[in-house]
Amino acid sequence: MSKPEIIGRRASDKRKAERQQRRRRGHTLFQKAFKFSQRCDADVILVFRLRNEGETYIFNSNDRVSILE
């Protein structure tokens, strides 16, 4: 039996997979922040910014607390 041929990934597939992974990690981070605020009765403010795109994501468990005070 011969070895199966390994087919390399295309560059576009790799970029798409990286974006999906980054999106999933961000979603998981927000879920954990929400669960922590619920279970520990804590005010949680989470801010992260993607360096390459410059996108900013904000999670605030308490709407009464302003981030820009």
C-alpha atoms as a PDB file:
ATOM      1  CA  MET A   1       0.000   0.000   0.000  1.00  0.00           C
ATOM      2  CA  SER A   2       1.216   3.446  -0.827  1.00  0.00           C
ATOM      3  CA  LYS A   3       0.958   6.423   1.482  1.00  0.00           C
ATOM      4  CA  PRO A   4      -2.047   8.693   0.967  1.00  0.00           C
ATOM      5  CA  GLU A   5      -1.158  11.954  -0.712  1.00  0.00           C
ATOM      6  CA  ILE A   6      -1.311  14.995   1.557  1.00  0.00           C
ATOM      7  CA  ILE A   7      -3.027  17.940  -0.017  1.00  0.00           C
ATOM      8  CA  GLY A   8      -1.982  21.346   1.333  1.00  0.00           C
ATOM      9  CA  ARG A   9      -4.459  23.983   2.409  1.00  0.00           C
ATOM     10  CA  ARG A  10      -5.094  26.975   0.258  1.00  0.00           C
ATOM     11  CA  ALA A  11      -4.224  30.345   1.735  1.00  0.00           C
ATOM     12  CA  SER A  12      -7.862  31.470   1.688  1.00  0.00           C
ATOM     13  CA  ASP A  13      -8.942  28.448   3.727  1.00  0.00           C
ATOM     14  CA  LYS A  14      -6.303  29.217   6.327  1.00  0.00           C
ATOM     15  CA  ARG A  15      -7.389  32.857   6.668  1.00  0.00           C
ATOM     16  CA  LYS A  16     -11.026  31.832   6.962  1.00  0.00           C
ATOM     17  CA  ALA A  17     -10.189  29.255   9.635  1.00  0.00           C
ATOM     18  CA  GLU A  18      -8.169  31.818  11.592  1.00  0.00           C
ATOM     19  CA  ARG A  19     -11.062  34.303  11.499  1.00  0.00           C
ATOM     20  CA  GLN A  20     -13.501  31.638  12.665  1.00  0.00           C
ATOM     21  CA  GLN A  21     -11.194  30.628  15.504  1.00  0.00           C
ATOM     22  CA  ARG A  22     -10.738  34.258  16.585  1.00  0.00           C
ATOM     23  CA  ARG A  23     -14.517  34.777  16.507  1.00  0.00           C
ATOM     24  CA  ARG A  24     -15.106  31.634  18.598  1.00  0.00           C
ATOM     25  CA  ARG A  25     -12.496  32.657  21.154  1.00  0.00           C
ATOM     26  CA  GLY A  26     -14.044  36.103  21.507  1.00  0.00           C
ATOM     27  CA  HIS A  27     -17.494  34.567  21.954  1.00  0.00           C
ATOM     28  CA  THR A  28     -16.130  32.192  24.616  1.00  0.00           C
ATOM     29  CA  LEU A  29     -14.472  35.101  26.417  1.00  0.00           C
ATOM     30  CA  PHE A  30     -17.778  36.997  26.552  1.00  0.00           C
ATOM     31  CA  GLN A  31     -19.609  33.874  27.770  1.00  0.00           C
ATOM     32  CA  LYS A  32     -17.094  33.395  30.581  1.00  0.00           C
ATOM     33  CA  ALA A  33     -17.324  37.048  31.600  1.00  0.00           C
ATOM     34  CA  PHE A  34     -21.139  36.793  31.690  1.00  0.00           C
ATOM     35  CA  LYS A  35     -21.090  33.564  33.728  1.00  0.00           C
ATOM     36  CA  PHE A  36     -18.572  35.048  36.164  1.00  0.00           C
ATOM     37  CA  SER A  37     -20.733  38.133  36.680  1.00  0.00           C
ATOM     38  CA  GLN A  38     -23.802  35.965  37.314  1.00  0.00           C
ATOM     39  CA  ARG A  39     -22.199  33.376  39.594  1.00  0.00           C
ATOM     40  CA  CYS A  40     -20.051  35.760  41.642  1.00  0.00           C
ATOM     41  CA  ASP A  41     -22.474  38.685  41.715  1.00  0.00           C
ATOM     42  CA  ALA A  42     -19.763  40.928  40.284  1.00  0.00           C
ATOM     43  CA  ASP A  43     -19.669  43.841  37.875  1.00  0.00           C
ATOM     44  CA  VAL A  44     -17.517  42.809  34.927  1.00  0.00           C
ATOM     45  CA  ILE A  45     -16.260  45.108  32.206  1.00  0.00           C
ATOM     46  CA  LEU A  46     -14.301  43.452  29.422  1.00  0.00           C
ATOM     47  CA  VAL A  47     -12.746  45.392  26.560  1.00  0.00           C
ATOM     48  CA  PHE A  48     -10.526  43.965  23.867  1.00  0.00           C
ATOM     49  CA  ARG A  49      -9.287  45.378  20.591  1.00  0.00           C
ATOM     50  CA  LEU A  50      -7.982  43.472  17.605  1.00  0.00           C
ATOM     51  CA  ARG A  51      -4.662  44.997  16.611  1.00  0.00           C
ATOM     52  CA  ASN A  52      -4.828  44.297  12.883  1.00  0.00           C
ATOM     53  CA  GLU A  53      -8.425  45.357  12.240  1.00  0.00           C
ATOM     54  CA  GLY A  54      -8.704  47.918  15.037  1.00  0.00           C
ATOM     55  CA  GLU A  55     -12.103  46.496  16.024  1.00  0.00           C
ATOM     56  CA  THR A  56     -13.081  47.048  19.658  1.00  0.00           C
ATOM     57  CA  TYR A  57     -15.413  44.735  21.573  1.00  0.00           C
ATOM     58  CA  ILE A  58     -16.943  45.726  24.907  1.00  0.00           C
ATOM     59  CA  PHE A  59     -18.837  43.628  27.450  1.00  0.00           C
ATOM     60  CA  ASN A  60     -20.424  45.418  30.390  1.00  0.00           C
ATOM     61  CA  SER A  61     -22.409  43.312  32.856  1.00  0.00           C
ATOM     62  CA  ASN A  62     -23.914  46.380  34.501  1.00  0.00           C
ATOM     63  CA  ASP A  63     -25.442  49.042  32.252  1.00  0.00           C
ATOM     64  CA  ARG A  64     -25.505  51.529  35.140  1.00  0.00           C
ATOM     65  CA  VAL A  65     -21.691  51.683  35.196  1.00  0.00           C
ATOM     66  CA  SER A  66     -20.243  53.819  32.408  1.00  0.00           C
ATOM     67  CA  ILE A  67     -16.883  52.843  30.951  1.00  0.00           C
ATOM     68  CA  LEU A  68     -16.016  56.411  30.004  1.00  0.00           C
ATOM     69  CA  GLU A  69     -16.387  57.994  33.463  1.00  0.00           C
END
